[in-house]
Amino acid sequence: MSSWLTRDYHDDDLESVVHLWESTSVLGQASVFGVSECIGALRNHEPAVVAVVGGDVVGVALATIAGDRAWVTRIAVAPEHRRQGVSAALLSALERRILDRGVRRLAYVLPEGDGFEVGLGKAGYTRTPAVAYYEKIEPLAPGEAHLLESLGGRVLPAGAWDRISGMRAEKSMIERRVVLPLQEPEKARAHGVLPPRAIILFGPPGTGKTTFARGIASRLEWPFVEIFPSRLAAGEKGLANALRDVFAAIAELERVVLFMDEVEEIAPMRGGAPTSEVHGVTNELLKLIPSFRERDTRLLVAATNSIRSMDSAFLRPGRFDYLLPVGPPDLAARQALWQRFVSGSERQDVDLDALASATDGFTPADIEYAARVAAQSAFEREVVQGEQAEARGASTDDYLAAIAQVKPTVTTEMLAAFAEDIDEFART
């Protein structure tokens, strides 16, 4: 696979681009816009990007802007570079150029039978009934793309919520308490329900708190920004000042899910001299949260492995609406997780019930690691040792052997402490 990069279209790319259009128009990469229209758009300096390999143009994406809408007029990729992610990269780069011009509504009209239909669906475009008209409203307001990039944030791909395997109880709780009121704020208020502005996910390490935070952002189609306390603390300004700067920048975003992992590092139980640095950081965060909560299109998701070590003032209802426990997957959730990891092989005879029973107390990360070890073992047997099997993939015995090698992340003591934390702290 050749390496490629995307860049802005240059005038001296015209000949290569036209040749690419002409050579790919018979390969299912035609356009409802004619070549002459596309050339005119290029000469008018409409948004356009190209993908290049070794200086040669192997892909191009072009749009035209009309009022508050941008039309993606043509995307073409050389046949030898298809299915390598070039089309998706071109579309993403083109969207950034369009956003920089203050346009949020993107549309793509496909010719009948065009092969780019699936890719548009994955990229967040919605098909209009009766015609092959695809439209996407960007979650970012004009000028927000660069700000989000500077914060290390991004708009997550659609479907991340649906890909969370198992964990039905946790998903249902978060769906009902958090997602639905934010998706339907008017209906929520009609029932006297205030959409949440800040929540805490607590539980043992490795149980999927970060995955849930990302899933919420994907489900809401809001930008996702993650704060890393250790990185902020390493800066010259100090943690308290760095937090203030980050929250000030985030205030410029119209919508956002702000995720703070290991929040106990920022707001631990205060003790000792009131002038300590820990007190200063905790006090700063306690001042920042109320202003963050003023807008109902922002959600703060904090995660902690040790809620009992956090400052009591930080946990009050006025700052966090819900304190939601996220524990290890139950039996049904483990079966769903194993189904996900096993389904990638040819084998149909793996005993999922046996694997789920053998991994009681395992986190999703533990199960994923065991599945990877088993798959690697089966792969090496065939490639290195030359053993052949009726179906490729790990067997039940391979998985059980891998499970035996894994030391669970969550100990019995952790589970006992988690049960106590649910009784004392959970607010659902």
Protein backbone atom coordinates (compact mmCIF):
# COMPACT_ATOMS: atom_id res chain seq x y z
CA MET A 1 0.00 0.00 0.00
CA SER A 2 1.46 3.36 -1.06
CA SER A 3 1.56 6.20 1.45
CA TRP A 4 -0.47 9.26 0.46
CA LEU A 5 -1.23 12.68 1.85
CA THR A 6 -3.94 15.27 1.29
CA ARG A 7 -3.35 18.94 0.52
CA ASP A 8 -5.10 21.93 -1.04
CA TYR A 9 -5.62 21.90 -4.78
CA HIS A 10 -3.10 23.97 -6.79
CA ASP A 11 -3.72 25.43 -10.24
CA ASP A 12 -0.96 23.29 -11.77
CA ASP A 13 -2.90 20.18 -10.64
CA LEU A 14 -5.64 20.88 -13.23
CA GLU A 15 -4.39 18.58 -15.98
CA SER A 16 -3.89 15.65 -13.60
CA VAL A 17 -7.29 16.22 -11.97
CA VAL A 18 -9.15 16.33 -15.29
CA HIS A 19 -7.39 13.16 -16.43
CA LEU A 20 -8.42 11.49 -13.15
CA TRP A 21 -12.04 12.54 -13.62
CA GLU A 22 -12.14 11.22 -17.14
CA SER A 23 -10.44 7.92 -16.33
CA THR A 24 -12.67 7.17 -13.33
CA SER A 25 -16.04 8.30 -14.72
CA VAL A 26 -16.58 4.80 -16.17
CA LEU A 27 -15.68 3.11 -12.87
CA GLY A 28 -18.67 4.22 -10.79
CA GLN A 29 -17.09 7.55 -9.85
CA ALA A 30 -19.14 9.79 -12.12
CA SER A 31 -20.84 12.99 -10.96
CA VAL A 32 -24.12 14.77 -11.59
CA PHE A 33 -21.93 17.81 -12.24
CA GLY A 34 -20.18 17.89 -15.60
CA VAL A 35 -16.42 18.21 -16.02
CA SER A 36 -16.80 21.73 -17.36
CA GLU A 37 -18.75 22.75 -14.26
CA CYS A 38 -16.08 21.22 -12.04
CA ILE A 39 -13.30 23.00 -13.92
CA GLY A 40 -15.19 26.25 -13.52
CA ALA A 41 -15.45 25.64 -9.77
CA LEU A 42 -11.69 25.06 -9.57
CA ARG A 43 -10.96 28.26 -11.44
CA ASN A 44 -13.31 30.14 -9.10
CA HIS A 45 -11.24 28.84 -6.17
CA GLU A 46 -14.05 26.82 -4.64
CA PRO A 47 -12.95 24.39 -1.84
CA ALA A 48 -10.87 21.58 -3.32
CA VAL A 49 -8.31 19.09 -2.02
CA VAL A 50 -6.19 16.41 -3.65
CA ALA A 51 -4.47 13.23 -2.49
CA VAL A 52 -0.94 12.74 -3.79
CA VAL A 53 1.52 9.86 -3.87
CA GLY A 54 5.08 10.73 -4.79
CA GLY A 55 3.92 14.00 -6.32
CA ASP A 56 1.23 12.34 -8.47
CA VAL A 57 -2.43 13.23 -7.95
CA VAL A 58 -4.34 10.03 -7.12
CA GLY A 59 -7.50 11.55 -5.67
CA VAL A 60 -9.51 14.77 -5.72
CA ALA A 61 -12.54 16.18 -3.89
CA LEU A 62 -14.28 19.37 -4.92
CA ALA A 63 -17.20 21.42 -3.55
CA THR A 64 -19.10 24.54 -4.51
CA ILE A 65 -20.68 26.91 -2.01
CA ALA A 66 -24.12 28.38 -2.61
CA GLY A 67 -25.58 30.46 0.19
CA ASP A 68 -25.64 28.47 3.42
CA ARG A 69 -25.01 25.13 1.70
CA ALA A 70 -21.94 23.51 0.19
CA TRP A 71 -22.38 20.93 -2.57
CA VAL A 72 -19.78 18.18 -2.79
CA THR A 73 -19.57 18.17 -6.57
CA ARG A 74 -17.08 15.40 -7.21
CA ILE A 75 -14.84 12.86 -5.48
CA ALA A 76 -12.58 10.65 -7.56
CA VAL A 77 -9.81 8.21 -6.58
CA ALA A 78 -7.48 6.26 -8.84
CA PRO A 79 -8.52 2.57 -8.93
CA GLU A 80 -5.26 1.30 -7.44
CA HIS A 81 -5.76 3.50 -4.37
CA ARG A 82 -9.40 2.71 -3.64
CA ARG A 83 -10.38 1.01 -0.37
CA GLN A 84 -7.34 2.51 1.35
CA GLY A 85 -9.19 5.29 3.14
CA VAL A 86 -8.34 7.92 0.52
CA SER A 87 -11.97 8.86 -0.20
CA ALA A 88 -12.76 9.30 3.51
CA ALA A 89 -9.61 11.40 4.04
CA LEU A 90 -10.45 13.60 1.05
CA LEU A 91 -14.01 14.14 2.26
CA SER A 92 -12.81 14.97 5.79
CA ALA A 93 -10.22 17.45 4.49
CA LEU A 94 -12.79 19.04 2.16
CA GLU A 95 -15.28 19.42 5.02
CA ARG A 96 -12.67 21.32 7.07
CA ARG A 97 -12.14 23.79 4.21
CA ILE A 98 -15.91 24.26 3.91
CA LEU A 99 -16.29 24.86 7.65
CA ASP A 100 -13.54 27.48 7.53
CA ARG A 101 -15.74 29.43 5.10
CA GLY A 102 -18.60 29.54 7.60
CA VAL A 103 -20.82 26.88 5.99
CA ARG A 104 -22.31 24.05 8.05
CA ARG A 105 -24.80 22.39 5.68
CA LEU A 106 -23.15 19.91 3.33
CA ALA A 107 -24.91 18.10 0.50
CA TYR A 108 -23.90 15.42 -2.00
CA VAL A 109 -26.02 14.34 -4.95
CA LEU A 110 -25.02 10.89 -6.20
CA PRO A 111 -25.58 9.52 -9.69
CA GLU A 112 -27.66 6.34 -9.76
CA GLY A 113 -25.62 3.32 -8.65
CA ASP A 114 -22.63 5.29 -7.38
CA GLY A 115 -20.46 3.17 -5.07
CA PHE A 116 -19.87 5.97 -2.55
CA GLU A 117 -23.27 5.55 -0.89
CA VAL A 118 -22.07 3.42 2.04
CA GLY A 119 -19.16 5.75 2.75
CA LEU A 120 -21.46 8.77 2.94
CA GLY A 121 -23.67 7.01 5.44
CA LYS A 122 -20.68 6.24 7.66
CA ALA A 123 -19.52 9.86 7.38
CA GLY A 124 -22.77 11.11 8.91
CA TYR A 125 -24.74 12.12 5.80
CA THR A 126 -28.48 11.40 5.78
CA ARG A 127 -30.27 10.16 2.65
CA THR A 128 -33.31 12.17 1.59
CA PRO A 129 -36.21 9.83 0.64
CA ALA A 130 -37.13 9.35 -3.03
CA VAL A 131 -33.87 10.76 -4.40
CA ALA A 132 -30.22 9.95 -3.88
CA TYR A 133 -29.66 13.24 -2.13
CA TYR A 134 -27.35 13.17 0.89
CA GLU A 135 -27.04 15.97 3.37
CA LYS A 136 -25.01 16.51 6.52
CA ILE A 137 -25.25 19.32 9.07
CA GLU A 138 -21.90 19.69 10.77
CA PRO A 139 -21.99 19.73 14.58
CA LEU A 140 -19.39 22.52 14.52
CA ALA A 141 -20.30 26.15 14.11
CA PRO A 142 -18.18 28.34 11.80
CA GLY A 143 -14.66 28.79 13.14
CA GLU A 144 -14.94 25.96 15.69
CA ALA A 145 -12.89 23.40 13.73
CA HIS A 146 -9.54 25.01 14.54
CA LEU A 147 -10.52 25.60 18.17
CA LEU A 148 -11.53 21.97 18.59
CA GLU A 149 -8.26 20.83 17.02
CA SER A 150 -6.25 23.07 19.36
CA LEU A 151 -8.00 21.44 22.32
CA GLY A 152 -7.14 17.97 21.02
CA GLY A 153 -10.84 17.25 20.50
CA ARG A 154 -12.72 15.75 17.61
CA VAL A 155 -16.13 14.79 16.31
CA LEU A 156 -16.40 11.05 16.89
CA PRO A 157 -17.72 8.67 14.22
CA ALA A 158 -21.41 7.83 14.32
CA GLY A 159 -22.36 4.48 15.84
CA ALA A 160 -19.87 4.35 18.72
CA TRP A 161 -22.75 4.03 21.18
CA ASP A 162 -24.24 1.05 19.36
CA ARG A 163 -20.85 -0.69 19.29
CA ILE A 164 -20.67 -0.84 23.09
CA SER A 165 -21.21 -4.57 23.58
CA GLY A 166 -23.27 -5.85 26.49
CA MET A 167 -23.38 -3.57 29.56
CA ARG A 168 -27.14 -3.33 29.02
CA ALA A 169 -27.94 -2.07 32.50
CA GLU A 170 -25.37 0.73 32.31
CA LYS A 171 -26.37 1.64 28.74
CA SER A 172 -30.03 1.79 29.66
CA MET A 173 -29.35 3.96 32.71
CA ILE A 174 -27.15 6.41 30.79
CA GLU A 175 -29.54 6.44 27.82
CA ARG A 176 -32.53 7.35 29.98
CA ARG A 177 -30.89 9.72 32.46
CA VAL A 178 -28.38 11.48 30.22
CA VAL A 179 -28.83 11.02 26.48
CA LEU A 180 -32.60 11.31 26.05
CA PRO A 181 -33.04 14.61 28.00
CA LEU A 182 -30.18 16.15 26.01
CA GLN A 183 -31.59 14.90 22.70
CA GLU A 184 -35.14 16.02 23.51
CA PRO A 185 -34.69 19.08 25.76
CA GLU A 186 -38.10 20.63 24.99
CA LYS A 187 -39.98 17.42 25.76
CA ALA A 188 -37.88 16.95 28.89
CA ARG A 189 -38.70 20.44 30.18
CA ALA A 190 -42.39 19.90 29.46
CA HIS A 191 -42.22 17.12 32.04
CA GLY A 192 -40.14 19.20 34.44
CA VAL A 193 -36.94 17.30 33.61
CA LEU A 194 -33.80 19.43 33.40
CA PRO A 195 -31.20 18.03 30.98
CA PRO A 196 -28.05 17.05 32.88
CA ARG A 197 -25.00 19.30 32.55
CA ALA A 198 -22.46 17.22 34.51
CA ILE A 199 -22.20 13.57 35.56
CA ILE A 200 -19.63 11.31 37.22
CA LEU A 201 -19.00 7.75 36.12
CA PHE A 202 -17.35 5.74 38.88
CA GLY A 203 -16.18 2.17 39.17
CA PRO A 204 -13.13 -0.10 39.09
CA PRO A 205 -10.46 0.44 36.43
CA GLY A 206 -11.03 -0.99 32.96
CA THR A 207 -14.82 -1.19 33.16
CA GLY A 208 -15.42 1.10 30.17
CA LYS A 209 -16.01 4.57 31.63
CA THR A 210 -14.03 6.23 28.83
CA THR A 211 -15.87 4.14 26.24
CA PHE A 212 -19.20 5.30 27.64
CA ALA A 213 -18.11 8.96 27.57
CA ARG A 214 -17.13 8.65 23.91
CA GLY A 215 -20.34 6.78 23.18
CA ILE A 216 -22.40 9.61 24.67
CA ALA A 217 -20.61 12.16 22.46
CA SER A 218 -21.15 9.99 19.39
CA ARG A 219 -24.81 9.42 20.25
CA LEU A 220 -25.42 13.16 20.68
CA GLU A 221 -23.23 14.02 17.66
CA TRP A 222 -21.41 16.58 19.79
CA PRO A 223 -17.65 17.27 19.68
CA PHE A 224 -15.61 15.33 22.24
CA VAL A 225 -12.76 16.88 24.23
CA GLU A 226 -10.73 14.97 26.81
CA ILE A 227 -8.73 16.64 29.59
CA PHE A 228 -5.64 14.86 30.89
CA PRO A 229 -4.82 16.23 34.38
CA SER A 230 -1.24 14.94 34.31
CA ARG A 231 -0.52 16.81 31.05
CA LEU A 232 -2.07 20.03 32.29
CA ALA A 233 -0.10 19.81 35.53
CA ALA A 234 3.15 19.41 33.58
CA GLY A 235 2.73 22.80 31.89
CA GLU A 236 4.43 26.00 32.96
CA LYS A 237 1.22 27.67 34.15
CA GLY A 238 0.33 25.04 36.73
CA LEU A 239 -2.79 22.92 36.89
CA ALA A 240 -5.22 25.55 38.22
CA ASN A 241 -4.34 28.12 35.53
CA ALA A 242 -4.31 25.46 32.82
CA LEU A 243 -7.81 24.34 33.82
CA ARG A 244 -9.03 27.93 33.65
CA ASP A 245 -7.60 28.34 30.14
CA VAL A 246 -9.13 25.08 28.90
CA PHE A 247 -12.59 25.91 30.25
CA ALA A 248 -12.37 29.41 28.72
CA ALA A 249 -11.59 27.89 25.32
CA ILE A 250 -14.35 25.29 25.63
CA ALA A 251 -16.84 28.08 26.37
CA GLU A 252 -16.44 29.12 22.70
CA LEU A 253 -17.85 25.79 21.49
CA GLU A 254 -21.58 25.69 20.88
CA ARG A 255 -21.82 22.00 21.81
CA VAL A 256 -19.33 19.75 23.56
CA VAL A 257 -18.89 16.67 25.70
CA LEU A 258 -15.95 17.41 28.00
CA PHE A 259 -14.39 14.29 29.52
CA MET A 260 -12.13 14.35 32.56
CA ASP A 261 -10.66 10.96 33.42
CA GLU A 262 -9.10 10.17 36.80
CA VAL A 263 -10.79 13.26 38.18
CA GLU A 264 -9.72 12.30 41.68
CA GLU A 265 -6.32 13.76 40.71
CA ILE A 266 -7.97 17.17 40.30
CA ALA A 267 -10.46 17.08 43.18
CA PRO A 268 -9.15 14.78 45.91
CA MET A 269 -10.38 14.89 49.49
CA ARG A 270 -8.98 18.13 50.89
CA GLY A 271 -6.88 18.02 54.00
CA GLY A 272 -3.94 19.76 55.58
CA ALA A 273 -3.13 23.43 55.09
CA PRO A 274 -5.86 25.36 53.20
CA THR A 275 -3.19 27.11 51.13
CA SER A 276 -1.87 23.89 49.60
CA GLU A 277 -1.74 23.51 45.82
CA VAL A 278 -4.35 20.75 45.99
CA HIS A 279 -6.80 23.15 47.63
CA GLY A 280 -6.14 25.73 44.93
CA VAL A 281 -6.83 23.31 42.11
CA THR A 282 -9.99 21.94 43.72
CA ASN A 283 -11.27 25.44 44.46
CA GLU A 284 -10.60 26.52 40.88
CA LEU A 285 -12.53 23.59 39.47
CA LEU A 286 -15.42 24.21 41.87
CA LYS A 287 -15.62 27.76 40.47
CA LEU A 288 -15.42 26.63 36.84
CA ILE A 289 -18.20 24.03 36.91
CA PRO A 290 -21.14 26.45 37.58
CA SER A 291 -20.29 28.59 34.54
CA PHE A 292 -19.91 25.45 32.43
CA ARG A 293 -23.38 24.36 33.51
CA GLU A 294 -25.03 27.56 32.25
CA ARG A 295 -25.59 26.15 28.75
CA ASP A 296 -27.65 23.01 28.12
CA THR A 297 -25.66 22.01 25.04
CA ARG A 298 -22.56 21.15 27.05
CA LEU A 299 -22.01 18.05 29.14
CA LEU A 300 -19.18 17.43 31.59
CA VAL A 301 -18.41 13.73 32.10
CA ALA A 302 -15.97 13.01 34.90
CA ALA A 303 -14.65 9.51 35.58
CA THR A 304 -12.97 8.10 38.65
CA ASN A 305 -11.75 4.75 39.92
CA SER A 306 -11.98 5.97 43.52
CA ILE A 307 -15.02 8.11 44.23
CA ARG A 308 -14.51 7.70 47.97
CA SER A 309 -11.25 9.67 47.72
CA MET A 310 -12.90 12.71 46.14
CA ASP A 311 -13.77 15.95 47.89
CA SER A 312 -17.34 15.95 49.22
CA ALA A 313 -18.00 19.48 47.94
CA PHE A 314 -17.20 18.27 44.44
CA LEU A 315 -19.88 15.57 44.59
CA ARG A 316 -22.82 17.75 45.60
CA PRO A 317 -25.97 17.68 43.41
CA GLY A 318 -25.57 21.33 42.40
CA ARG A 319 -22.37 20.44 40.59
CA PHE A 320 -23.03 16.93 39.31
CA ASP A 321 -26.51 15.78 38.42
CA TYR A 322 -25.80 12.05 38.55
CA LEU A 323 -23.13 9.79 40.06
CA LEU A 324 -23.46 6.66 37.93
CA PRO A 325 -21.75 3.34 38.74
CA VAL A 326 -20.05 1.41 35.92
CA GLY A 327 -18.97 -2.03 37.07
CA PRO A 328 -17.62 -5.19 35.46
CA PRO A 329 -19.97 -6.77 32.88
CA ASP A 330 -22.55 -9.23 34.12
CA LEU A 331 -23.09 -12.67 32.53
CA ALA A 332 -25.26 -11.37 29.66
CA ALA A 333 -22.81 -8.57 28.96
CA ARG A 334 -19.86 -10.98 28.94
CA GLN A 335 -21.71 -13.20 26.47
CA ALA A 336 -22.25 -10.18 24.22
CA LEU A 337 -18.59 -9.20 24.48
CA TRP A 338 -17.41 -12.70 23.60
CA GLN A 339 -19.84 -12.82 20.68
CA ARG A 340 -18.25 -9.65 19.34
CA PHE A 341 -14.68 -10.93 19.58
CA VAL A 342 -15.41 -14.48 18.40
CA SER A 343 -17.46 -13.42 15.37
CA GLY A 344 -14.34 -12.29 13.51
CA SER A 345 -13.18 -15.88 12.86
CA GLU A 346 -14.57 -18.68 10.70
CA ARG A 347 -15.42 -20.91 13.65
CA GLN A 348 -19.07 -21.39 14.54
CA ASP A 349 -18.66 -23.89 17.39
CA VAL A 350 -17.19 -21.72 20.15
CA ASP A 351 -19.02 -22.19 23.46
CA LEU A 352 -19.85 -18.62 24.42
CA ASP A 353 -21.61 -19.71 27.62
CA ALA A 354 -18.43 -21.42 28.81
CA LEU A 355 -16.32 -18.34 28.04
CA ALA A 356 -18.78 -16.01 29.77
CA SER A 357 -18.85 -18.21 32.87
CA ALA A 358 -15.05 -18.47 32.97
CA THR A 359 -14.62 -14.69 32.90
CA ASP A 360 -16.71 -13.70 35.90
CA GLY A 361 -15.19 -10.50 37.28
CA PHE A 362 -13.31 -9.72 34.05
CA THR A 363 -13.54 -6.20 32.63
CA PRO A 364 -14.20 -5.58 28.91
CA ALA A 365 -10.48 -4.85 28.54
CA ASP A 366 -9.59 -8.19 30.20
CA ILE A 367 -11.91 -10.07 27.84
CA GLU A 368 -10.54 -8.29 24.79
CA TYR A 369 -6.98 -9.19 25.84
CA ALA A 370 -7.88 -12.86 26.36
CA ALA A 371 -9.57 -12.97 22.95
CA ARG A 372 -6.48 -11.46 21.33
CA VAL A 373 -4.18 -14.01 23.00
CA ALA A 374 -6.34 -16.91 21.83
CA ALA A 375 -6.57 -15.59 18.27
CA GLN A 376 -2.81 -15.08 18.12
CA SER A 377 -2.24 -18.64 19.36
CA ALA A 378 -4.48 -20.10 16.63
CA PHE A 379 -2.81 -17.91 13.99
CA GLU A 380 0.69 -19.01 15.02
CA ARG A 381 -0.34 -22.67 14.97
CA GLU A 382 -1.25 -22.40 11.33
CA VAL A 383 1.48 -20.07 10.08
CA VAL A 384 4.45 -21.18 12.19
CA GLN A 385 3.67 -24.82 12.93
CA GLY A 386 1.73 -25.55 9.75
CA GLU A 387 -1.25 -27.09 11.51
CA GLN A 388 -4.48 -27.07 9.53
CA ALA A 389 -8.00 -26.93 10.96
CA GLU A 390 -11.45 -27.29 9.43
CA ALA A 391 -12.19 -23.64 10.28
CA ARG A 392 -9.73 -20.87 10.98
CA GLY A 393 -9.89 -19.20 14.34
CA ALA A 394 -9.43 -19.98 18.01
CA SER A 395 -11.35 -22.88 19.55
CA THR A 396 -13.15 -22.92 22.88
CA ASP A 397 -10.08 -24.60 24.41
CA ASP A 398 -7.85 -21.84 22.98
CA TYR A 399 -10.00 -19.19 24.60
CA LEU A 400 -10.16 -21.00 27.94
CA ALA A 401 -6.38 -21.42 27.93
CA ALA A 402 -5.97 -17.70 27.23
CA ILE A 403 -8.44 -16.82 29.98
CA ALA A 404 -6.37 -18.83 32.44
CA GLN A 405 -3.36 -16.64 31.62
CA VAL A 406 -5.15 -13.37 32.36
CA LYS A 407 -4.96 -11.83 35.80
CA PRO A 408 -8.26 -9.93 36.23
CA THR A 409 -7.91 -6.19 36.62
CA VAL A 410 -10.60 -6.06 39.28
CA THR A 411 -9.85 -7.93 42.49
CA THR A 412 -12.33 -9.30 45.00
CA GLU A 413 -11.42 -6.43 47.32
CA MET A 414 -12.14 -3.89 44.57
CA LEU A 415 -15.55 -5.43 43.92
CA ALA A 416 -16.41 -5.26 47.61
CA ALA A 417 -15.33 -1.62 47.77
CA PHE A 418 -17.34 -0.86 44.61
CA ALA A 419 -20.49 -2.33 46.17
CA GLU A 420 -19.96 -0.11 49.21
CA ASP A 421 -19.42 2.94 46.96
CA ILE A 422 -22.70 2.26 45.15
CA ASP A 423 -24.57 2.24 48.46
CA GLU A 424 -22.88 5.41 49.70
CA PHE A 425 -22.37 7.57 46.62
CA ALA A 426 -24.53 6.47 43.66
CA ARG A 427 -27.06 9.06 42.53
CA THR A 428 -29.07 7.70 39.63
